[in-house]
Amino acid sequence: MAGLLDEDRLFPLEPGARALARSLYASVRDLPIVSPHGHTDPRWYAENQPFPDPAQLLVVPDHYIFRMLVSQGVPLDSLGVPRTDGSVGQTDSRAIWRLFADNYHLFRGTPTRLWLDYTFANLFGLEVPLGTDTADLYYESIAERLADDAYRPRALYERFNIETIATTEGALDDLKWHRMIAESDWDGHVITTYRPDSVVDPDFEGFADNLARFGTLTGCDTQSWQGYLEAHRRRRAFFRDHGATATDHGHLSAETAALSPHEAEALFARVRTGKAAAEDAALFRAQMLTEMAKMSVEDGMVMQIHAGSRRNHSPAIFARYGRDKGFDIPTRTSYVDALKPLLDTVGLEPGLTIVLFTLDETVYSRELAPLAGVYPCLRLGPPWWFFDSVEGMRRFRQAATETAGFYNTVGFNDDTRAFPSIPARHDVARRVDCAFLAELVASGQLREEEAGELAHDLAYRLARRAYRI
């Protein structure tokens, strides 16, 4: 082991399998990165301004970091996380960084530690561990580099060897940053993704007002069911004009419904005021997954369903700091019965692709792999969020491959807001997949030449194919 990183990290212990994993990894390590789903800010690429400082880049926006610190009693205010009223507790970035460094030991054994150490070593050239004694060394070294033009967003995009990156915008977004990118002389490929939760979920804050804005944006009568559906079609077309190839749906459950037009119209009349009963809100979300799938049949957009997160579990944190502050918790999720109305409606339509994600690992082998292993429209997204980890990736391959194979999966999505972590996350995924393939070869389940082809597919080709990039 040299510096922060072991060159053979995550590879098998058995010498023969380790050597093969090393060889497979060497063949894919430098492939371009395709990032077909994520949450980086398109403004970074549009304006190409320097990142402000180490704390604002690496700590303040990253819920993976501050949720761990909060679990050990560190207040969000002391980490500079903005409140919903716009105020900020700690504004001294060096103090935030020192607090983070003092607690860096909390991340031992976590994927966050792997990603950060990779970033520190490969992006910023740091060779000593982060801790209390090295906090200022880290801060000053990173700050010095961030002032260099080589560390601006577009330069890092190129340094990371990103071929395509997708951001995620809400249905009401004007996509001005994407227009600015398209009108610039930069040739980076940054595309958007249509995320309609704010106008699909009756429990979303300001839902009734959102519908009114939706109508203004599209010129449609969003107080009528047919006008509301037409508004979605127009916004989807607008997003496609800005590069979108996919939609994304972050629902609590994967429940779908197949109501008659009359039933759907009556349901919409009950929910559009923003005062829907809980059962009506749930049924509307379910119906809208089916409606979005039907629209994907029409326009060819890939549909992603990210189900199973009980978001904003702490009402106190949500009220004070808003969404995405680390208090989203996995919950049990059903797919076989939940998806049946949608699949009965469009599941055999040619050209439809629906990528399923889960935060419930118990359904990999019992539900998701069998579904994706027979329905031609279904693909399995990679381990997501809490399971975007070494063991999470291994468990996914072990549970899903025997039934769904490799080619009913979609490669790797980093799904991140933390731009510097993108190459680190793809590196972990490539290492884990190469280790898995090497062990299949070692146990006689795969030929070595097949493993080499699969390594390229998993690292690069499957994502391009699945997301029609």
Protein backbone atom coordinates (compact mmCIF):
# COMPACT_ATOMS: atom_id res chain seq x y z
CA MET A 1 0.00 0.00 0.00
CA ALA A 2 1.41 3.37 -1.04
CA GLY A 3 0.00 6.63 0.28
CA LEU A 4 -3.75 6.62 0.73
CA LEU A 5 -4.67 3.90 -1.77
CA ASP A 6 -3.87 0.21 -2.17
CA GLU A 7 -3.45 -0.54 -5.88
CA ASP A 8 -5.18 -3.93 -5.44
CA ARG A 9 -8.06 -2.66 -3.33
CA LEU A 10 -11.32 -4.57 -3.69
CA PHE A 11 -9.75 -7.41 -5.69
CA PRO A 12 -10.07 -11.07 -4.59
CA LEU A 13 -7.58 -12.47 -2.07
CA GLU A 14 -6.87 -15.68 -3.99
CA PRO A 15 -3.74 -14.95 -6.09
CA GLY A 16 -5.01 -16.30 -9.43
CA ALA A 17 -8.35 -14.50 -9.23
CA ARG A 18 -6.59 -11.35 -8.04
CA ALA A 19 -4.24 -11.40 -11.01
CA LEU A 20 -7.15 -11.82 -13.42
CA ALA A 21 -9.16 -9.05 -11.73
CA ARG A 22 -6.12 -6.80 -12.01
CA SER A 23 -5.84 -7.57 -15.72
CA LEU A 24 -9.56 -7.01 -16.37
CA TYR A 25 -9.48 -3.74 -14.47
CA ALA A 26 -6.45 -2.54 -16.45
CA SER A 27 -8.48 -3.03 -19.64
CA VAL A 28 -11.38 -0.82 -18.46
CA ARG A 29 -9.76 1.60 -16.00
CA ASP A 30 -9.31 4.34 -18.60
CA LEU A 31 -12.57 3.92 -20.50
CA PRO A 32 -14.64 7.12 -20.78
CA ILE A 33 -17.17 7.74 -18.04
CA VAL A 34 -20.83 7.68 -19.02
CA SER A 35 -22.88 9.19 -16.18
CA PRO A 36 -26.49 8.77 -17.35
CA HIS A 37 -28.17 9.74 -14.08
CA GLY A 38 -26.99 12.21 -11.46
CA HIS A 39 -27.57 15.46 -9.63
CA THR A 40 -24.62 17.71 -10.36
CA ASP A 41 -25.50 21.36 -10.98
CA PRO A 42 -25.65 22.32 -14.68
CA ARG A 43 -24.75 25.88 -13.64
CA TRP A 44 -21.21 24.64 -12.92
CA TYR A 45 -20.66 23.68 -16.54
CA ALA A 46 -22.53 26.69 -17.92
CA GLU A 47 -20.64 29.39 -16.02
CA ASN A 48 -17.40 27.44 -15.48
CA GLN A 49 -16.53 29.44 -12.39
CA PRO A 50 -13.97 28.21 -9.82
CA PHE A 51 -15.34 26.15 -6.95
CA PRO A 52 -15.34 28.34 -3.82
CA ASP A 53 -13.28 26.45 -1.24
CA PRO A 54 -12.70 22.90 0.07
CA ALA A 55 -15.56 22.94 2.57
CA GLN A 56 -18.11 24.32 0.12
CA LEU A 57 -17.02 21.81 -2.52
CA LEU A 58 -16.66 18.64 -0.49
CA VAL A 59 -18.55 18.97 2.82
CA VAL A 60 -21.46 21.41 2.83
CA PRO A 61 -23.42 19.95 -0.15
CA ASP A 62 -22.76 16.25 0.54
CA HIS A 63 -25.45 14.46 2.57
CA TYR A 64 -23.29 11.32 2.73
CA ILE A 65 -20.85 13.34 4.83
CA PHE A 66 -23.08 15.34 7.09
CA ARG A 67 -25.55 12.55 7.89
CA MET A 68 -22.67 10.57 9.45
CA LEU A 69 -21.51 13.60 11.41
CA VAL A 70 -25.05 14.36 12.58
CA SER A 71 -25.34 10.75 13.79
CA GLN A 72 -22.45 11.51 16.15
CA GLY A 73 -24.01 14.71 17.47
CA VAL A 74 -22.53 17.30 15.11
CA PRO A 75 -25.22 19.92 14.33
CA LEU A 76 -25.95 20.81 10.72
CA ASP A 77 -25.53 24.48 11.64
CA SER A 78 -21.89 23.87 12.55
CA LEU A 79 -21.33 22.35 9.08
CA GLY A 80 -22.59 25.43 7.27
CA VAL A 81 -25.70 23.73 5.88
CA PRO A 82 -28.13 26.50 4.84
CA ARG A 83 -31.50 26.75 6.56
CA THR A 84 -34.76 27.06 4.68
CA ASP A 85 -34.97 30.77 5.61
CA GLY A 86 -31.68 31.39 3.83
CA SER A 87 -29.59 31.90 6.96
CA VAL A 88 -26.42 29.91 7.69
CA GLY A 89 -24.98 28.94 11.05
CA GLN A 90 -21.24 28.45 10.57
CA THR A 91 -19.88 30.61 7.76
CA ASP A 92 -16.15 30.03 8.33
CA SER A 93 -15.21 27.36 5.77
CA ARG A 94 -11.90 26.61 7.47
CA ALA A 95 -13.74 25.92 10.74
CA ILE A 96 -16.15 23.60 8.87
CA TRP A 97 -13.21 21.78 7.31
CA ARG A 98 -11.42 21.36 10.65
CA LEU A 99 -14.59 19.92 12.20
CA PHE A 100 -14.86 17.49 9.28
CA ALA A 101 -11.19 16.51 9.61
CA ASP A 102 -11.53 16.01 13.37
CA ASN A 103 -14.27 13.47 12.65
CA TYR A 104 -12.88 11.84 9.52
CA HIS A 105 -12.28 8.61 11.44
CA LEU A 106 -16.07 8.11 11.52
CA PHE A 107 -15.97 7.15 7.84
CA ARG A 108 -13.67 4.15 8.27
CA GLY A 109 -14.99 1.19 6.30
CA THR A 110 -17.60 3.23 4.41
CA PRO A 111 -17.82 3.92 0.66
CA THR A 112 -17.57 7.64 1.46
CA ARG A 113 -14.07 7.02 2.81
CA LEU A 114 -13.09 5.17 -0.38
CA TRP A 115 -14.41 7.97 -2.59
CA LEU A 116 -12.81 10.75 -0.56
CA ASP A 117 -9.41 9.09 -0.28
CA TYR A 118 -9.45 8.51 -4.06
CA THR A 119 -10.31 12.18 -4.59
CA PHE A 120 -7.66 13.40 -2.17
CA ALA A 121 -4.95 11.23 -3.73
CA ASN A 122 -5.76 11.37 -7.45
CA LEU A 123 -7.29 14.82 -7.81
CA PHE A 124 -5.41 16.82 -5.21
CA GLY A 125 -2.16 14.85 -4.90
CA LEU A 126 -2.37 14.35 -1.12
CA GLU A 127 -0.46 11.40 0.32
CA VAL A 128 -0.98 11.59 4.09
CA PRO A 129 -4.24 10.65 5.87
CA LEU A 130 -6.73 13.36 6.72
CA GLY A 131 -7.15 14.07 10.43
CA THR A 132 -6.90 16.80 13.03
CA ASP A 133 -3.15 17.25 12.52
CA THR A 134 -3.39 17.49 8.74
CA ALA A 135 -6.61 19.50 8.43
CA ASP A 136 -4.89 22.77 7.55
CA LEU A 137 -2.45 21.05 5.15
CA TYR A 138 -5.42 19.57 3.31
CA TYR A 139 -7.40 22.79 3.27
CA GLU A 140 -4.55 24.89 1.95
CA SER A 141 -3.48 22.32 -0.65
CA ILE A 142 -7.00 21.87 -1.99
CA ALA A 143 -7.74 25.62 -1.91
CA GLU A 144 -4.56 26.34 -3.85
CA ARG A 145 -5.54 23.89 -6.57
CA LEU A 146 -9.13 25.13 -6.75
CA ALA A 147 -7.77 28.57 -7.67
CA ASP A 148 -6.11 27.04 -10.76
CA ASP A 149 -8.03 27.06 -14.05
CA ALA A 150 -7.27 23.33 -14.36
CA TYR A 151 -9.76 22.76 -11.50
CA ARG A 152 -12.71 24.60 -13.00
CA PRO A 153 -15.77 22.44 -13.82
CA ARG A 154 -15.16 22.05 -17.55
CA ALA A 155 -11.49 21.21 -17.09
CA LEU A 156 -12.39 18.60 -14.45
CA TYR A 157 -15.07 17.16 -16.75
CA GLU A 158 -12.32 16.58 -19.30
CA ARG A 159 -9.78 15.39 -16.74
CA PHE A 160 -12.27 12.86 -15.41
CA ASN A 161 -12.69 11.58 -18.99
CA ILE A 162 -16.45 12.10 -18.87
CA GLU A 163 -18.09 11.42 -22.21
CA THR A 164 -21.68 12.21 -21.17
CA ILE A 165 -23.19 13.43 -17.92
CA ALA A 166 -26.90 13.78 -17.19
CA THR A 167 -28.27 16.19 -14.63
CA THR A 168 -31.79 16.04 -13.18
CA GLU A 169 -34.21 18.96 -13.33
CA GLY A 170 -37.79 19.36 -12.16
CA ALA A 171 -40.72 19.80 -14.51
CA LEU A 172 -40.85 23.54 -13.74
CA ASP A 173 -37.17 24.23 -14.46
CA ASP A 174 -36.48 26.64 -17.33
CA LEU A 175 -33.27 24.75 -18.27
CA LYS A 176 -31.42 28.03 -18.82
CA TRP A 177 -28.10 26.52 -17.77
CA HIS A 178 -28.48 23.79 -20.36
CA ARG A 179 -29.22 26.39 -23.01
CA MET A 180 -26.12 28.31 -21.97
CA ILE A 181 -24.00 25.17 -22.29
CA ALA A 182 -25.46 24.40 -25.73
CA GLU A 183 -24.81 27.95 -26.93
CA SER A 184 -21.20 27.99 -25.67
CA ASP A 185 -18.15 26.89 -27.65
CA TRP A 186 -17.49 24.03 -25.20
CA ASP A 187 -18.11 20.54 -26.55
CA GLY A 188 -18.89 18.76 -23.25
CA HIS A 189 -22.00 16.58 -23.44
CA VAL A 190 -24.26 17.62 -20.53
CA ILE A 191 -27.89 16.57 -20.86
CA THR A 192 -30.92 16.95 -18.64
CA THR A 193 -33.43 14.43 -17.20
CA TYR A 194 -37.16 15.06 -16.70
CA ARG A 195 -38.13 14.73 -13.02
CA PRO A 196 -41.85 15.62 -12.61
CA ASP A 197 -42.29 14.83 -8.89
CA SER A 198 -43.35 18.38 -7.97
CA VAL A 199 -46.36 18.17 -10.31
CA VAL A 200 -47.09 14.45 -9.88
CA ASP A 201 -47.02 14.01 -6.11
CA PRO A 202 -50.00 15.64 -4.34
CA ASP A 203 -47.99 15.58 -1.10
CA PHE A 204 -45.18 17.66 -2.62
CA GLU A 205 -45.03 21.08 -1.00
CA GLY A 206 -46.93 23.70 -2.99
CA PHE A 207 -48.54 21.11 -5.30
CA ALA A 208 -51.57 23.25 -6.26
CA ASP A 209 -49.36 26.25 -7.01
CA ASN A 210 -47.00 24.00 -8.96
CA LEU A 211 -49.89 22.90 -11.18
CA ALA A 212 -50.72 26.53 -11.90
CA ARG A 213 -47.11 27.27 -12.89
CA PHE A 214 -47.10 24.08 -14.97
CA GLY A 215 -50.05 25.42 -16.92
CA THR A 216 -48.42 28.81 -17.45
CA LEU A 217 -45.21 27.22 -18.72
CA THR A 218 -46.97 24.94 -21.19
CA GLY A 219 -50.01 26.95 -22.20
CA CYS A 220 -52.21 24.03 -21.09
CA ASP A 221 -55.25 23.89 -18.84
CA THR A 222 -53.67 22.02 -15.92
CA GLN A 223 -56.93 22.14 -14.02
CA SER A 224 -58.36 19.55 -16.43
CA TRP A 225 -57.11 15.96 -16.70
CA GLN A 226 -56.48 16.03 -20.44
CA GLY A 227 -54.85 19.45 -20.24
CA TYR A 228 -52.62 18.22 -17.42
CA LEU A 229 -51.48 15.21 -19.47
CA GLU A 230 -50.81 17.42 -22.47
CA ALA A 231 -48.68 19.68 -20.27
CA HIS A 232 -46.47 16.68 -19.46
CA ARG A 233 -46.13 15.83 -23.13
CA ARG A 234 -45.04 19.37 -23.93
CA ARG A 235 -42.54 19.54 -21.09
CA ARG A 236 -41.10 16.16 -22.03
CA ALA A 237 -40.61 17.48 -25.57
CA PHE A 238 -38.98 20.62 -24.16
CA PHE A 239 -36.58 18.49 -22.12
CA ARG A 240 -35.80 16.32 -25.16
CA ASP A 241 -34.91 19.49 -27.05
CA HIS A 242 -32.30 20.05 -24.31
CA GLY A 243 -30.79 16.60 -24.66
CA ALA A 244 -32.92 14.52 -22.31
CA THR A 245 -33.18 10.83 -23.09
CA ALA A 246 -34.73 9.78 -19.78
CA THR A 247 -37.28 10.61 -17.12
CA ASP A 248 -36.92 9.96 -13.39
CA HIS A 249 -39.55 9.29 -10.75
CA GLY A 250 -38.77 9.34 -7.04
CA HIS A 251 -41.84 7.76 -5.49
CA LEU A 252 -42.16 6.26 -2.04
CA SER A 253 -43.44 3.02 -3.55
CA ALA A 254 -43.45 1.33 -6.95
CA GLU A 255 -47.26 1.08 -6.89
CA THR A 256 -48.89 1.60 -10.27
CA ALA A 257 -52.52 1.78 -11.34
CA ALA A 258 -54.55 1.42 -14.53
CA LEU A 259 -57.68 3.50 -14.02
CA SER A 260 -60.25 4.11 -16.73
CA PRO A 261 -60.18 7.61 -18.25
CA HIS A 262 -63.30 8.52 -16.28
CA GLU A 263 -61.80 7.25 -13.00
CA ALA A 264 -58.51 9.05 -13.63
CA GLU A 265 -60.31 12.31 -14.40
CA ALA A 266 -62.34 12.08 -11.21
CA LEU A 267 -59.22 11.31 -9.18
CA PHE A 268 -57.39 14.30 -10.65
CA ALA A 269 -60.30 16.54 -9.70
CA ARG A 270 -59.89 15.38 -6.09
CA VAL A 271 -56.13 15.86 -5.88
CA ARG A 272 -55.46 19.02 -7.92
CA THR A 273 -56.37 21.31 -5.01
CA GLY A 274 -53.40 20.05 -3.01
CA LYS A 275 -55.71 18.82 -0.25
CA ALA A 276 -56.04 15.18 -1.27
CA ALA A 277 -56.73 12.38 1.18
CA ALA A 278 -53.76 10.08 1.69
CA GLU A 279 -55.32 7.21 -0.25
CA ASP A 280 -56.11 9.49 -3.20
CA ALA A 281 -52.57 10.90 -3.22
CA ALA A 282 -51.11 7.39 -3.27
CA LEU A 283 -53.47 6.28 -6.05
CA PHE A 284 -52.64 9.36 -8.12
CA ARG A 285 -48.90 8.72 -7.85
CA ALA A 286 -49.57 5.13 -8.92
CA GLN A 287 -51.66 6.20 -11.91
CA MET A 288 -49.04 8.73 -12.98
CA LEU A 289 -46.31 6.08 -13.15
CA THR A 290 -48.49 4.28 -15.69
CA GLU A 291 -49.24 7.50 -17.56
CA MET A 292 -45.52 8.31 -17.71
CA ALA A 293 -44.80 4.81 -19.05
CA LYS A 294 -47.45 5.29 -21.74
CA MET A 295 -45.80 8.58 -22.71
CA SER A 296 -42.44 6.82 -22.89
CA VAL A 297 -43.96 4.43 -25.40
CA GLU A 298 -44.96 7.50 -27.43
CA ASP A 299 -41.73 9.51 -27.25
CA GLY A 300 -39.05 6.90 -26.57
CA MET A 301 -37.73 8.37 -23.32
CA VAL A 302 -36.21 5.86 -20.92
CA MET A 303 -38.17 5.75 -17.65
CA GLN A 304 -36.39 5.43 -14.29
CA ILE A 305 -38.24 4.52 -11.10
CA HIS A 306 -36.33 5.27 -7.89
CA ALA A 307 -38.70 3.79 -5.32
CA GLY A 308 -38.48 3.03 -1.65
CA SER A 309 -37.07 6.08 0.11
CA ARG A 310 -39.07 7.51 2.99
CA ARG A 311 -37.90 11.04 2.44
CA ASN A 312 -37.55 13.73 5.10
CA HIS A 313 -38.02 11.26 7.96
CA SER A 314 -37.41 14.02 10.51
CA PRO A 315 -40.05 16.77 10.26
CA ALA A 316 -37.90 19.04 12.43
CA ILE A 317 -34.92 18.78 10.07
CA PHE A 318 -37.18 19.18 7.03
CA ALA A 319 -38.78 22.32 8.47
CA ARG A 320 -35.43 23.88 9.39
CA TYR A 321 -33.20 22.78 6.50
CA GLY A 322 -35.46 21.39 3.73
CA ARG A 323 -35.00 18.38 1.47
CA ASP A 324 -31.93 16.20 0.94
CA LYS A 325 -30.36 16.68 4.34
CA GLY A 326 -29.53 13.07 5.13
CA PHE A 327 -32.84 12.06 6.71
CA ASP A 328 -34.13 9.91 3.84
CA ILE A 329 -34.46 6.29 5.00
CA PRO A 330 -34.95 3.04 3.00
CA THR A 331 -38.23 1.22 3.40
CA ARG A 332 -39.68 -2.13 2.30
CA THR A 333 -40.81 -2.05 -1.31
CA SER A 334 -42.88 -4.46 -3.41
CA TYR A 335 -42.51 -4.73 -7.19
CA VAL A 336 -44.29 -7.88 -8.44
CA ASP A 337 -47.81 -6.78 -7.50
CA ALA A 338 -47.02 -3.06 -7.54
CA LEU A 339 -45.88 -2.96 -11.17
CA LYS A 340 -48.52 -5.34 -12.54
CA PRO A 341 -51.05 -2.66 -13.63
CA LEU A 342 -48.33 -0.81 -15.53
CA LEU A 343 -46.94 -3.99 -17.06
CA ASP A 344 -50.40 -5.19 -18.03
CA THR A 345 -50.85 -1.87 -19.86
CA VAL A 346 -47.50 -1.39 -21.64
CA GLY A 347 -45.12 -4.11 -20.42
CA LEU A 348 -44.83 -5.80 -23.79
CA GLU A 349 -44.66 -2.64 -25.91
CA PRO A 350 -41.60 -2.70 -28.21
CA GLY A 351 -39.00 -0.02 -27.58
CA LEU A 352 -40.05 0.77 -23.99
CA THR A 353 -37.28 0.76 -21.37
CA ILE A 354 -37.98 1.09 -17.64
CA VAL A 355 -35.01 1.06 -15.28
CA LEU A 356 -35.89 -0.12 -11.77
CA PHE A 357 -33.97 0.92 -8.65
CA THR A 358 -34.55 -0.19 -5.09
CA LEU A 359 -33.51 0.51 -1.53
CA ASP A 360 -34.86 -2.88 -0.45
CA GLU A 361 -32.17 -5.48 -1.13
CA THR A 362 -34.49 -8.33 -0.15
CA VAL A 363 -36.29 -8.02 -3.49
CA TYR A 364 -33.25 -8.48 -5.78
CA SER A 365 -33.57 -12.24 -6.23
CA ARG A 366 -37.23 -12.63 -5.22
CA GLU A 367 -38.83 -9.92 -7.38
CA LEU A 368 -36.61 -7.65 -9.44
CA ALA A 369 -34.36 -10.20 -11.16
CA PRO A 370 -37.28 -12.47 -12.15
CA LEU A 371 -39.24 -9.47 -13.49
CA ALA A 372 -36.30 -8.10 -15.50
CA GLY A 373 -35.47 -11.63 -16.56
CA VAL A 374 -38.68 -11.93 -18.59
CA TYR A 375 -40.28 -8.53 -19.33
CA PRO A 376 -38.43 -7.00 -22.30
CA CYS A 377 -39.08 -3.45 -21.10
CA LEU A 378 -37.46 -3.88 -17.68
CA ARG A 379 -33.83 -3.30 -16.73
CA LEU A 380 -32.25 -3.29 -13.29
CA GLY A 381 -30.50 -0.15 -12.17
CA PRO A 382 -27.30 -0.57 -10.16
CA PRO A 383 -27.23 -0.50 -6.35
CA TRP A 384 -28.45 2.91 -5.35
CA TRP A 385 -27.72 5.35 -2.55
CA PHE A 386 -27.21 3.38 0.67
CA PHE A 387 -26.09 0.34 -1.35
CA ASP A 388 -23.75 2.19 -3.71
CA SER A 389 -20.96 0.44 -1.84
CA VAL A 390 -18.50 -2.40 -2.25
CA GLU A 391 -20.62 -5.01 -0.48
CA GLY A 392 -23.85 -3.56 -1.92
CA MET A 393 -22.53 -4.04 -5.45
CA ARG A 394 -21.35 -7.57 -4.69
CA ARG A 395 -24.69 -8.52 -3.16
CA PHE A 396 -26.49 -7.14 -6.21
CA ARG A 397 -24.40 -9.16 -8.67
CA GLN A 398 -24.72 -12.31 -6.57
CA ALA A 399 -28.49 -11.97 -6.14
CA ALA A 400 -29.48 -10.77 -9.61
CA THR A 401 -27.11 -12.30 -12.14
CA GLU A 402 -28.27 -15.91 -12.01
CA THR A 403 -31.83 -14.92 -12.94
CA ALA A 404 -31.52 -11.66 -14.90
CA GLY A 405 -28.03 -12.10 -16.31
CA PHE A 406 -25.75 -9.14 -16.96
CA TYR A 407 -27.54 -7.78 -20.00
CA ASN A 408 -30.76 -6.92 -18.19
CA THR A 409 -28.76 -4.45 -16.10
CA VAL A 410 -27.62 -0.97 -17.16
CA GLY A 411 -24.01 -0.64 -16.08
CA PHE A 412 -23.23 1.95 -13.42
CA ASN A 413 -24.92 5.23 -12.44
CA ASP A 414 -23.04 7.40 -9.95
CA ASP A 415 -26.26 9.31 -9.06
CA THR A 416 -24.27 11.98 -7.23
CA ARG A 417 -24.30 15.67 -6.37
CA ALA A 418 -20.60 15.47 -5.44
CA PHE A 419 -18.84 16.21 -8.74
CA PRO A 420 -15.27 15.33 -7.58
CA SER A 421 -16.44 11.87 -6.47
CA ILE A 422 -17.58 10.78 -9.94
CA PRO A 423 -14.32 9.12 -11.07
CA ALA A 424 -13.94 7.58 -7.60
CA ARG A 425 -17.39 6.02 -7.75
CA HIS A 426 -16.86 4.63 -11.25
CA ASP A 427 -13.48 3.28 -10.18
CA VAL A 428 -15.07 1.37 -7.28
CA ALA A 429 -17.76 -0.05 -9.57
CA ARG A 430 -15.22 -1.16 -12.16
CA ARG A 431 -13.04 -2.81 -9.53
CA VAL A 432 -15.96 -4.64 -7.92
CA ASP A 433 -17.28 -5.87 -11.28
CA CYS A 434 -13.84 -7.02 -12.40
CA ALA A 435 -13.41 -8.90 -9.12
CA PHE A 436 -16.81 -10.57 -9.57
CA LEU A 437 -16.00 -11.57 -13.15
CA ALA A 438 -12.58 -12.92 -12.14
CA GLU A 439 -14.19 -15.16 -9.54
CA LEU A 440 -16.67 -16.48 -12.12
CA VAL A 441 -13.72 -17.38 -14.35
CA ALA A 442 -11.83 -18.95 -11.44
CA SER A 443 -14.84 -21.13 -10.60
CA GLY A 444 -15.34 -22.23 -14.20
CA GLN A 445 -18.57 -20.32 -14.81
CA LEU A 446 -17.17 -17.92 -17.39
CA ARG A 447 -14.42 -17.97 -20.00
CA GLU A 448 -11.68 -15.40 -19.66
CA GLU A 449 -12.41 -13.81 -23.04
CA GLU A 450 -16.09 -13.46 -22.03
CA ALA A 451 -15.03 -11.76 -18.81
CA GLY A 452 -13.03 -9.23 -20.81
CA GLU A 453 -16.02 -8.40 -22.99
CA LEU A 454 -18.33 -8.18 -20.00
CA ALA A 455 -15.95 -5.86 -18.16
CA HIS A 456 -16.22 -3.38 -21.05
CA ASP A 457 -19.99 -3.80 -21.23
CA LEU A 458 -20.48 -3.15 -17.51
CA ALA A 459 -18.11 -0.19 -17.41
CA TYR A 460 -19.25 1.56 -20.58
CA ARG A 461 -21.43 -0.02 -23.24
CA LEU A 462 -24.50 -1.02 -21.22
CA ALA A 463 -25.08 2.52 -19.93
CA ARG A 464 -24.87 4.02 -23.41
CA ARG A 465 -27.21 1.38 -24.80
CA ALA A 466 -29.78 1.48 -22.01
CA TYR A 467 -30.02 5.28 -21.92
CA ARG A 468 -29.89 5.69 -25.71
CA ILE A 469 -26.92 8.02 -25.55
